[in-house]
Amino acid sequence: QVQLVESGGGLVQPGGSLRLSCAASGSIFSRYTMGWYRQGPGKQRDVVATITNNGNTNYADSAKGRFTISRDNAKNTVYLQMNSLRPEDTAVYYCNAYLKLITGDIGDYWGQGTQVAVAS
């Protein structure tokens, strides 16, 4: 089982940067695909970026060129570096850990979220 705790959110002006962190507890963190999702006011929760156990990354179109996801398996931590922030990036950002097992069982864990507000 994996427990996830996000941090690093806050208030930033448009064009600014934030770095989110997600600290995970669990014995097999390095095997999970990790992701960042967000849910803005009145919006659905959408994927922002994912990173696999071997380091392959994917980004939502809105994040490409501005956000970078990375992981440090030794620290059981995944990061989201967010640059050139826009007001529409305002959302609660959630960390996710996902693992599909050969048995058909699924590990799917979520943090409680961290608030990001982009405003002048």
Protein backbone atom coordinates (compact mmCIF):
# COMPACT_ATOMS: atom_id res chain seq x y z
CA GLN A 1 0.00 0.00 0.00
CA VAL A 2 1.14 3.53 -0.81
CA GLN A 3 0.39 6.71 1.09
CA LEU A 4 0.91 9.99 -0.75
CA VAL A 5 1.38 13.47 0.68
CA GLU A 6 1.55 16.50 -1.61
CA SER A 7 3.23 19.77 -0.76
CA GLY A 8 4.51 22.92 -2.43
CA GLY A 9 1.28 24.56 -3.46
CA GLY A 10 0.50 28.17 -2.81
CA LEU A 11 -0.29 31.52 -4.35
CA VAL A 12 1.82 32.70 -7.25
CA GLN A 13 1.45 35.51 -9.75
CA PRO A 14 0.95 34.82 -13.45
CA GLY A 15 4.23 33.93 -15.10
CA GLY A 16 5.67 32.61 -11.87
CA SER A 17 6.81 29.14 -10.89
CA LEU A 18 6.07 26.50 -8.28
CA ARG A 19 7.51 23.10 -7.56
CA LEU A 20 5.15 20.51 -6.16
CA SER A 21 6.37 17.47 -4.27
CA CYS A 22 4.66 14.19 -3.54
CA ALA A 23 6.20 12.06 -0.84
CA ALA A 24 5.23 8.41 -0.89
CA SER A 25 5.43 5.68 1.67
CA GLY A 26 5.45 2.11 0.47
CA SER A 27 7.81 -0.71 -0.27
CA ILE A 28 7.55 -0.74 -4.08
CA PHE A 29 7.36 2.94 -5.00
CA SER A 30 9.83 2.52 -7.85
CA ARG A 31 7.48 0.14 -9.68
CA TYR A 32 4.55 2.56 -9.87
CA THR A 33 3.58 4.93 -12.60
CA MET A 34 3.28 8.29 -10.89
CA GLY A 35 1.12 11.15 -12.01
CA TRP A 36 -0.10 14.62 -11.25
CA TYR A 37 -3.74 15.48 -11.77
CA ARG A 38 -5.62 18.66 -11.13
CA GLN A 39 -9.16 19.82 -10.56
CA GLY A 40 -9.92 23.48 -11.10
CA PRO A 41 -12.97 25.33 -9.82
CA GLY A 42 -16.06 23.88 -11.45
CA LYS A 43 -14.00 21.49 -13.57
CA GLN A 44 -13.30 17.78 -13.80
CA ARG A 45 -10.13 16.21 -12.51
CA ASP A 46 -7.72 15.90 -15.43
CA VAL A 47 -4.29 14.42 -15.86
CA VAL A 48 -1.43 16.90 -15.99
CA ALA A 49 1.61 14.65 -16.32
CA THR A 50 2.69 11.07 -15.72
CA ILE A 51 6.01 9.32 -15.36
CA THR A 52 6.55 5.58 -15.58
CA ASN A 53 8.88 3.42 -13.53
CA ASN A 54 11.49 3.68 -16.28
CA GLY A 55 11.20 7.45 -16.57
CA ASN A 56 8.98 7.88 -19.63
CA THR A 57 6.83 10.99 -19.35
CA ASN A 58 3.58 12.20 -20.81
CA TYR A 59 1.98 15.62 -20.51
CA ALA A 60 -1.37 17.16 -21.09
CA ASP A 61 -1.31 19.62 -23.97
CA SER A 62 -1.85 22.46 -21.53
CA ALA A 63 1.27 21.46 -19.61
CA LYS A 64 3.68 20.75 -22.45
CA GLY A 65 6.61 23.12 -22.55
CA ARG A 66 5.78 24.60 -19.15
CA PHE A 67 5.66 21.73 -16.66
CA THR A 68 8.17 18.99 -15.92
CA ILE A 69 7.48 15.82 -13.98
CA SER A 70 10.34 13.92 -12.39
CA ARG A 71 10.89 11.28 -9.75
CA ASP A 72 13.54 10.36 -7.23
CA ASN A 73 13.03 6.73 -6.32
CA ALA A 74 15.67 6.86 -3.60
CA LYS A 75 13.56 9.49 -1.85
CA ASN A 76 10.18 7.99 -2.78
CA THR A 77 9.23 11.37 -4.20
CA VAL A 78 7.74 12.69 -7.43
CA TYR A 79 7.92 16.34 -8.42
CA LEU A 80 6.08 18.70 -10.71
CA GLN A 81 8.00 21.79 -11.73
CA MET A 82 5.54 24.37 -13.02
CA ASN A 83 6.78 27.41 -14.92
CA SER A 84 5.02 30.21 -16.75
CA LEU A 85 1.95 29.71 -14.64
CA ARG A 86 -1.38 31.04 -15.82
CA PRO A 87 -4.59 31.82 -13.95
CA GLU A 88 -6.20 28.80 -15.61
CA ASP A 89 -3.64 26.59 -13.84
CA THR A 90 -5.42 27.37 -10.59
CA ALA A 91 -6.56 24.04 -9.17
CA VAL A 92 -6.09 21.47 -6.50
CA TYR A 93 -3.23 19.26 -7.63
CA TYR A 94 -3.33 15.57 -6.73
CA CYS A 95 -0.58 12.99 -6.75
CA ASN A 96 -1.37 9.50 -8.02
CA ALA A 97 0.42 6.16 -7.88
CA TYR A 98 -0.74 3.41 -10.22
CA LEU A 99 0.36 -0.18 -10.75
CA LYS A 100 -1.33 -2.94 -12.74
CA LEU A 101 -0.26 -6.35 -11.48
CA ILE A 102 -0.03 -9.47 -13.60
CA THR A 103 -2.66 -11.05 -11.37
CA GLY A 104 -5.18 -8.43 -12.45
CA ASP A 105 -5.01 -6.57 -9.17
CA ILE A 106 -4.54 -2.83 -9.37
CA GLY A 107 -2.75 -0.47 -7.06
CA ASP A 108 -4.26 2.99 -7.37
CA TYR A 109 -3.53 5.57 -4.69
CA TRP A 110 -4.23 9.26 -4.30
CA GLY A 111 -2.99 12.04 -2.11
CA GLN A 112 -5.24 14.63 -0.52
CA GLY A 113 -4.15 17.40 -2.86
CA THR A 114 -2.37 20.72 -2.64
CA GLN A 115 -3.90 24.02 -3.70
CA VAL A 116 -2.29 26.10 -6.42
CA ALA A 117 -3.64 29.59 -7.02
CA VAL A 118 -2.34 31.74 -9.87
CA ALA A 119 -3.50 35.32 -9.56
CA SER A 120 -2.19 38.85 -9.57
